[in-house]
Amino acid sequence: MIDLHCHILPGLDDGAEDLEASLAMAEQAVAQGITHILCTPHHNNGRYENVKASIIPAVHTLQQAIDERNLPLTLLEGQEV
């Protein structure tokens, strides 16, 4: 299953507050049968900016942490505009 709308990236918007919260969300997603998550932090909504240049490395960093825990989950870059 693919989650097409998730605020899993730590500290970017009103989603996961930190890395531990992101990893807990990842573990719960895997337990529910999710294999891929489209990371969609808020962008340009008057409160959060979250430009592409900040999202791509944030996804990469979280993916590394997920991989280190051997969780079968793939993250993809996106935005909620």
C-alpha atoms as a PDB file:
ATOM      1  CA  MET A   1       0.000   0.000   0.000  1.00  0.00           C
ATOM      2  CA  ILE A   2       1.127   3.570  -0.706  1.00  0.00           C
ATOM      3  CA  ASP A   3       0.447   6.542   1.585  1.00  0.00           C
ATOM      4  CA  LEU A   4       0.029   9.536  -0.732  1.00  0.00           C
ATOM      5  CA  HIS A   5      -0.194  12.225   1.943  1.00  0.00           C
ATOM      6  CA  CYS A   6       1.998  12.099   5.031  1.00  0.00           C
ATOM      7  CA  HIS A   7       3.656  14.676   7.293  1.00  0.00           C
ATOM      8  CA  ILE A   8       6.389  12.284   8.421  1.00  0.00           C
ATOM      9  CA  LEU A   9       9.403  14.551   7.910  1.00  0.00           C
ATOM     10  CA  PRO A  10      10.707  15.755  11.274  1.00  0.00           C
ATOM     11  CA  GLY A  11      10.410  19.399  12.242  1.00  0.00           C
ATOM     12  CA  LEU A  12       9.230  20.811   8.917  1.00  0.00           C
ATOM     13  CA  ASP A  13       5.584  21.546   9.633  1.00  0.00           C
ATOM     14  CA  ASP A  14       2.747  20.402  11.881  1.00  0.00           C
ATOM     15  CA  GLY A  15       3.636  16.727  11.466  1.00  0.00           C
ATOM     16  CA  ALA A  16       6.389  14.788  13.212  1.00  0.00           C
ATOM     17  CA  GLU A  17       8.153  16.981  15.759  1.00  0.00           C
ATOM     18  CA  ASP A  18      11.466  15.132  15.711  1.00  0.00           C
ATOM     19  CA  LEU A  19      13.292  12.102  14.330  1.00  0.00           C
ATOM     20  CA  GLU A  20      11.943   9.758  16.990  1.00  0.00           C
ATOM     21  CA  ALA A  21       8.362  10.736  16.126  1.00  0.00           C
ATOM     22  CA  SER A  22       9.114  10.193  12.424  1.00  0.00           C
ATOM     23  CA  LEU A  23      10.539   6.740  13.095  1.00  0.00           C
ATOM     24  CA  ALA A  24       7.528   5.836  15.241  1.00  0.00           C
ATOM     25  CA  MET A  25       5.277   6.888  12.347  1.00  0.00           C
ATOM     26  CA  ALA A  26       7.377   4.785   9.955  1.00  0.00           C
ATOM     27  CA  GLU A  27       7.101   1.734  12.194  1.00  0.00           C
ATOM     28  CA  GLN A  28       3.340   2.154  12.457  1.00  0.00           C
ATOM     29  CA  ALA A  29       3.034   2.564   8.684  1.00  0.00           C
ATOM     30  CA  VAL A  30       4.966  -0.660   8.063  1.00  0.00           C
ATOM     31  CA  ALA A  31       2.794  -2.473  10.623  1.00  0.00           C
ATOM     32  CA  GLN A  32      -0.263  -1.350   8.626  1.00  0.00           C
ATOM     33  CA  GLY A  33       1.132  -2.695   5.358  1.00  0.00           C
ATOM     34  CA  ILE A  34       2.393   0.556   3.872  1.00  0.00           C
ATOM     35  CA  THR A  35       5.467   0.112   1.669  1.00  0.00           C
ATOM     36  CA  HIS A  36       5.850   3.648   0.252  1.00  0.00           C
ATOM     37  CA  ILE A  37       5.137   7.100   1.663  1.00  0.00           C
ATOM     38  CA  LEU A  38       4.892  10.319  -0.308  1.00  0.00           C
ATOM     39  CA  CYS A  39       6.275  12.939   2.099  1.00  0.00           C
ATOM     40  CA  THR A  40       4.063  16.008   1.754  1.00  0.00           C
ATOM     41  CA  PRO A  41       5.067  18.856   4.076  1.00  0.00           C
ATOM     42  CA  HIS A  42       3.026  22.032   3.740  1.00  0.00           C
ATOM     43  CA  HIS A  43       4.401  24.491   1.192  1.00  0.00           C
ATOM     44  CA  ASN A  44       3.607  28.140   0.622  1.00  0.00           C
ATOM     45  CA  ASN A  45       0.419  28.118   2.698  1.00  0.00           C
ATOM     46  CA  GLY A  46       1.103  31.333   4.604  1.00  0.00           C
ATOM     47  CA  ARG A  47       2.611  29.501   7.577  1.00  0.00           C
ATOM     48  CA  TYR A  48       5.139  27.059   6.108  1.00  0.00           C
ATOM     49  CA  GLU A  49       7.400  27.512   3.091  1.00  0.00           C
ATOM     50  CA  ASN A  50       9.331  24.185   2.818  1.00  0.00           C
ATOM     51  CA  VAL A  51      11.009  24.664  -0.544  1.00  0.00           C
ATOM     52  CA  LYS A  52      12.196  21.764  -2.668  1.00  0.00           C
ATOM     53  CA  ALA A  53      15.817  22.376  -1.672  1.00  0.00           C
ATOM     54  CA  SER A  54      14.978  21.587   1.970  1.00  0.00           C
ATOM     55  CA  ILE A  55      12.592  18.697   1.354  1.00  0.00           C
ATOM     56  CA  ILE A  56      14.894  16.516  -0.755  1.00  0.00           C
ATOM     57  CA  PRO A  57      17.701  16.293   1.835  1.00  0.00           C
ATOM     58  CA  ALA A  58      15.156  15.842   4.651  1.00  0.00           C
ATOM     59  CA  VAL A  59      13.666  12.843   2.832  1.00  0.00           C
ATOM     60  CA  HIS A  60      17.147  11.429   2.205  1.00  0.00           C
ATOM     61  CA  THR A  61      18.140  11.798   5.872  1.00  0.00           C
ATOM     62  CA  LEU A  62      14.967  10.161   7.151  1.00  0.00           C
ATOM     63  CA  GLN A  63      15.274   7.370   4.570  1.00  0.00           C
ATOM     64  CA  GLN A  64      18.775   6.629   5.879  1.00  0.00           C
ATOM     65  CA  ALA A  65      17.439   6.368   9.445  1.00  0.00           C
ATOM     66  CA  ILE A  66      14.639   4.070   8.274  1.00  0.00           C
ATOM     67  CA  ASP A  67      17.121   1.914   6.350  1.00  0.00           C
ATOM     68  CA  GLU A  68      19.397   1.674   9.405  1.00  0.00           C
ATOM     69  CA  ARG A  69      16.454   0.157  11.288  1.00  0.00           C
ATOM     70  CA  ASN A  70      15.789  -2.293   8.432  1.00  0.00           C
ATOM     71  CA  LEU A  71      12.241  -1.046   7.976  1.00  0.00           C
ATOM     72  CA  PRO A  72      10.846  -1.993   4.546  1.00  0.00           C
ATOM     73  CA  LEU A  73       9.640   1.498   3.698  1.00  0.00           C
ATOM     74  CA  THR A  74      10.477   3.797   0.783  1.00  0.00           C
ATOM     75  CA  LEU A  75      10.034   7.562   1.056  1.00  0.00           C
ATOM     76  CA  LEU A  76       9.315   9.837  -1.897  1.00  0.00           C
ATOM     77  CA  GLU A  77       9.540  13.629  -2.131  1.00  0.00           C
ATOM     78  CA  GLY A  78       6.444  15.794  -2.419  1.00  0.00           C
ATOM     79  CA  GLN A  79       4.669  18.891  -1.138  1.00  0.00           C
ATOM     80  CA  GLU A  80       1.198  19.840   0.003  1.00  0.00           C
ATOM     81  CA  VAL A  81       0.506  23.091  -1.818  1.00  0.00           C
END
